Amino acid sequence: MTATAGIIIKIHECLVMGAFTYPLGRTGDSTIAEAKACLQAVIFGEEMGFRDLVIEGDALIVIKKLKSDSTDR
């Protein structure tokens, strides 16, 4: 699966301060894509000079992975 992250930085939910897309390349599953997108959002926010960030994403994927009893690589 090839994935791309779309990242938007907003202030007070209305003023867009920055946006970009980041190619994540080939990822094994959606959980890895979500983790990579989160990392890129943090890096982008830090590069723009923000110290407090709220990261939003598809939390259902992460919750399902955390609840799973299977061992991950």
N, C-alpha and C. Protein backbone atom coordinates (compact mmCIF):
# COMPACT_ATOMS: atom_id res chain seq x y z
N MET A 1 0.84 -1.17 0.00
CA MET A 1 0.00 0.00 0.00
C MET A 1 0.89 1.24 0.00
N THR A 2 0.65 2.16 -0.89
CA THR A 2 1.35 3.44 -0.92
C THR A 2 0.44 4.49 -0.30
N ALA A 3 1.01 5.31 0.59
CA ALA A 3 0.20 6.28 1.32
C ALA A 3 0.81 7.68 1.23
N THR A 4 -0.05 8.68 1.38
CA THR A 4 0.35 10.08 1.44
C THR A 4 -0.37 10.72 2.61
N ALA A 5 0.37 11.49 3.42
CA ALA A 5 -0.23 12.20 4.55
C ALA A 5 -0.56 13.62 4.13
N GLY A 6 -1.73 14.08 4.49
CA GLY A 6 -2.11 15.47 4.30
C GLY A 6 -2.14 16.14 5.66
N ILE A 7 -1.39 17.21 5.84
CA ILE A 7 -1.26 17.84 7.14
C ILE A 7 -1.64 19.31 7.03
N ILE A 8 -2.49 19.76 7.96
CA ILE A 8 -2.94 21.15 8.02
C ILE A 8 -2.72 21.66 9.43
N ILE A 9 -2.10 22.84 9.56
CA ILE A 9 -1.94 23.47 10.86
C ILE A 9 -2.90 24.65 10.92
N LYS A 10 -3.80 24.62 11.93
CA LYS A 10 -4.80 25.67 12.09
C LYS A 10 -4.69 26.26 13.49
N ILE A 11 -5.10 27.52 13.61
CA ILE A 11 -5.21 28.17 14.91
C ILE A 11 -6.69 28.42 15.16
N HIS A 12 -7.15 28.03 16.32
CA HIS A 12 -8.55 28.24 16.73
C HIS A 12 -9.55 27.68 15.73
N GLU A 13 -9.20 26.59 15.08
CA GLU A 13 -10.06 25.83 14.18
C GLU A 13 -10.56 26.60 12.96
N CYS A 14 -9.97 27.77 12.66
CA CYS A 14 -10.44 28.47 11.47
C CYS A 14 -9.31 29.07 10.63
N LEU A 15 -8.22 29.52 11.25
CA LEU A 15 -7.15 30.18 10.52
C LEU A 15 -6.07 29.16 10.17
N VAL A 16 -5.90 28.91 8.87
CA VAL A 16 -4.90 27.94 8.41
C VAL A 16 -3.54 28.63 8.39
N MET A 17 -2.58 28.04 9.11
CA MET A 17 -1.23 28.59 9.19
C MET A 17 -0.26 27.89 8.24
N GLY A 18 -0.56 26.67 7.86
CA GLY A 18 0.30 25.93 6.96
C GLY A 18 -0.33 24.62 6.56
N ALA A 19 0.07 24.11 5.41
CA ALA A 19 -0.46 22.83 4.93
C ALA A 19 0.55 22.20 3.99
N PHE A 20 0.60 20.88 3.99
CA PHE A 20 1.44 20.19 3.03
C PHE A 20 1.04 18.72 2.95
N THR A 21 1.49 18.08 1.89
CA THR A 21 1.30 16.64 1.76
C THR A 21 2.68 16.01 1.81
N TYR A 22 2.72 14.81 2.40
CA TYR A 22 3.99 14.12 2.57
C TYR A 22 3.82 12.69 2.09
N PRO A 23 4.59 12.27 1.08
CA PRO A 23 4.49 10.88 0.62
C PRO A 23 5.11 9.95 1.66
N LEU A 24 4.34 9.00 2.15
CA LEU A 24 4.81 8.05 3.14
C LEU A 24 5.45 6.82 2.52
N GLY A 25 5.28 6.69 1.21
CA GLY A 25 5.86 5.54 0.52
C GLY A 25 5.03 4.28 0.75
N ARG A 26 5.67 3.15 0.57
CA ARG A 26 4.98 1.87 0.75
C ARG A 26 4.94 1.54 2.24
N THR A 27 3.75 1.35 2.75
CA THR A 27 3.57 1.00 4.15
C THR A 27 2.93 -0.37 4.25
N GLY A 28 3.25 -1.09 5.32
CA GLY A 28 2.72 -2.44 5.50
C GLY A 28 1.24 -2.46 5.81
N ASP A 29 0.80 -1.52 6.62
CA ASP A 29 -0.62 -1.45 6.95
C ASP A 29 -0.99 -0.03 7.35
N SER A 30 -2.26 0.19 7.62
CA SER A 30 -2.74 1.53 7.92
C SER A 30 -2.24 2.06 9.26
N THR A 31 -1.91 1.19 10.20
CA THR A 31 -1.38 1.63 11.48
C THR A 31 -0.02 2.29 11.31
N ILE A 32 0.82 1.70 10.49
CA ILE A 32 2.13 2.28 10.21
C ILE A 32 1.98 3.62 9.49
N ALA A 33 1.07 3.69 8.54
CA ALA A 33 0.83 4.94 7.83
C ALA A 33 0.36 6.02 8.80
N GLU A 34 -0.52 5.67 9.73
CA GLU A 34 -1.02 6.63 10.72
C GLU A 34 0.12 7.12 11.62
N ALA A 35 1.00 6.22 12.04
CA ALA A 35 2.12 6.59 12.90
C ALA A 35 3.10 7.51 12.16
N LYS A 36 3.38 7.20 10.91
CA LYS A 36 4.28 8.04 10.11
C LYS A 36 3.67 9.42 9.88
N ALA A 37 2.37 9.47 9.62
CA ALA A 37 1.70 10.75 9.42
C ALA A 37 1.75 11.59 10.69
N CYS A 38 1.56 10.97 11.84
CA CYS A 38 1.64 11.67 13.11
C CYS A 38 3.03 12.26 13.32
N LEU A 39 4.05 11.47 13.05
CA LEU A 39 5.42 11.94 13.19
C LEU A 39 5.68 13.14 12.29
N GLN A 40 5.24 13.07 11.04
CA GLN A 40 5.45 14.18 10.11
C GLN A 40 4.69 15.43 10.55
N ALA A 41 3.51 15.26 11.15
CA ALA A 41 2.75 16.41 11.66
C ALA A 41 3.51 17.09 12.78
N VAL A 42 4.10 16.31 13.68
CA VAL A 42 4.88 16.87 14.79
C VAL A 42 6.11 17.62 14.25
N ILE A 43 6.80 17.00 13.32
CA ILE A 43 7.99 17.64 12.75
C ILE A 43 7.62 18.94 12.05
N PHE A 44 6.55 18.93 11.26
CA PHE A 44 6.11 20.12 10.54
C PHE A 44 5.73 21.23 11.52
N GLY A 45 4.98 20.89 12.57
CA GLY A 45 4.60 21.88 13.56
C GLY A 45 5.80 22.48 14.27
N GLU A 46 6.77 21.64 14.59
CA GLU A 46 7.98 22.11 15.25
C GLU A 46 8.78 23.03 14.33
N GLU A 47 8.88 22.66 13.06
CA GLU A 47 9.62 23.49 12.10
C GLU A 47 8.96 24.85 11.91
N MET A 48 7.64 24.92 12.08
CA MET A 48 6.94 26.20 11.96
C MET A 48 7.01 27.02 13.25
N GLY A 49 7.58 26.43 14.30
CA GLY A 49 7.78 27.19 15.53
C GLY A 49 6.70 27.02 16.58
N PHE A 50 5.79 26.07 16.39
CA PHE A 50 4.74 25.85 17.37
C PHE A 50 5.25 24.98 18.51
N ARG A 51 4.83 25.32 19.73
CA ARG A 51 5.26 24.54 20.89
C ARG A 51 4.14 23.65 21.43
N ASP A 52 2.90 24.03 21.23
CA ASP A 52 1.75 23.23 21.66
C ASP A 52 1.00 22.77 20.41
N LEU A 53 0.84 21.47 20.28
CA LEU A 53 0.14 20.91 19.12
C LEU A 53 -0.93 19.93 19.58
N VAL A 54 -2.02 19.89 18.85
CA VAL A 54 -3.03 18.86 19.02
C VAL A 54 -3.05 18.11 17.70
N ILE A 55 -2.72 16.84 17.75
CA ILE A 55 -2.66 16.01 16.55
C ILE A 55 -3.97 15.23 16.44
N GLU A 56 -4.61 15.32 15.28
CA GLU A 56 -5.83 14.56 15.04
C GLU A 56 -5.57 13.57 13.93
N GLY A 57 -6.15 12.39 14.08
CA GLY A 57 -5.99 11.37 13.06
C GLY A 57 -7.07 10.31 13.22
N ASP A 58 -6.90 9.22 12.52
CA ASP A 58 -7.87 8.13 12.59
C ASP A 58 -7.55 7.26 13.81
N ALA A 59 -8.03 7.66 14.97
CA ALA A 59 -7.71 6.98 16.23
C ALA A 59 -8.26 5.55 16.28
N LEU A 60 -9.30 5.26 15.53
CA LEU A 60 -9.88 3.92 15.55
C LEU A 60 -8.84 2.86 15.15
N ILE A 61 -8.02 3.17 14.18
CA ILE A 61 -6.97 2.24 13.76
C ILE A 61 -6.02 1.96 14.91
N VAL A 62 -5.60 3.01 15.59
CA VAL A 62 -4.66 2.86 16.70
C VAL A 62 -5.30 2.09 17.85
N ILE A 63 -6.54 2.40 18.18
CA ILE A 63 -7.25 1.72 19.27
C ILE A 63 -7.38 0.23 18.97
N LYS A 64 -7.76 -0.12 17.76
CA LYS A 64 -7.87 -1.54 17.40
C LYS A 64 -6.53 -2.25 17.52
N LYS A 65 -5.45 -1.60 17.12
CA LYS A 65 -4.13 -2.21 17.21
C LYS A 65 -3.72 -2.41 18.66
N LEU A 66 -4.01 -1.45 19.51
CA LEU A 66 -3.67 -1.56 20.93
C LEU A 66 -4.47 -2.65 21.62
N LYS A 67 -5.71 -2.86 21.20
CA LYS A 67 -6.56 -3.89 21.81
C LYS A 67 -6.23 -5.29 21.31
N SER A 68 -5.53 -5.38 20.21
CA SER A 68 -5.20 -6.68 19.61
C SER A 68 -4.25 -7.46 20.49
N ASP A 69 -4.47 -8.78 20.58
CA ASP A 69 -3.59 -9.66 21.36
C ASP A 69 -2.41 -10.17 20.54
N SER A 70 -2.43 -9.93 19.25
CA SER A 70 -1.37 -10.45 18.40
C SER A 70 -0.06 -9.65 18.59
N THR A 71 1.04 -10.34 18.42
CA THR A 71 2.35 -9.71 18.54
C THR A 71 2.70 -9.04 17.23
N ASP A 72 3.20 -7.82 17.31
CA ASP A 72 3.57 -7.07 16.12
C ASP A 72 5.08 -7.11 15.94
N ARG A 73 5.53 -6.99 14.71
CA ARG A 73 6.97 -6.96 14.46
C ARG A 73 7.51 -5.67 14.96
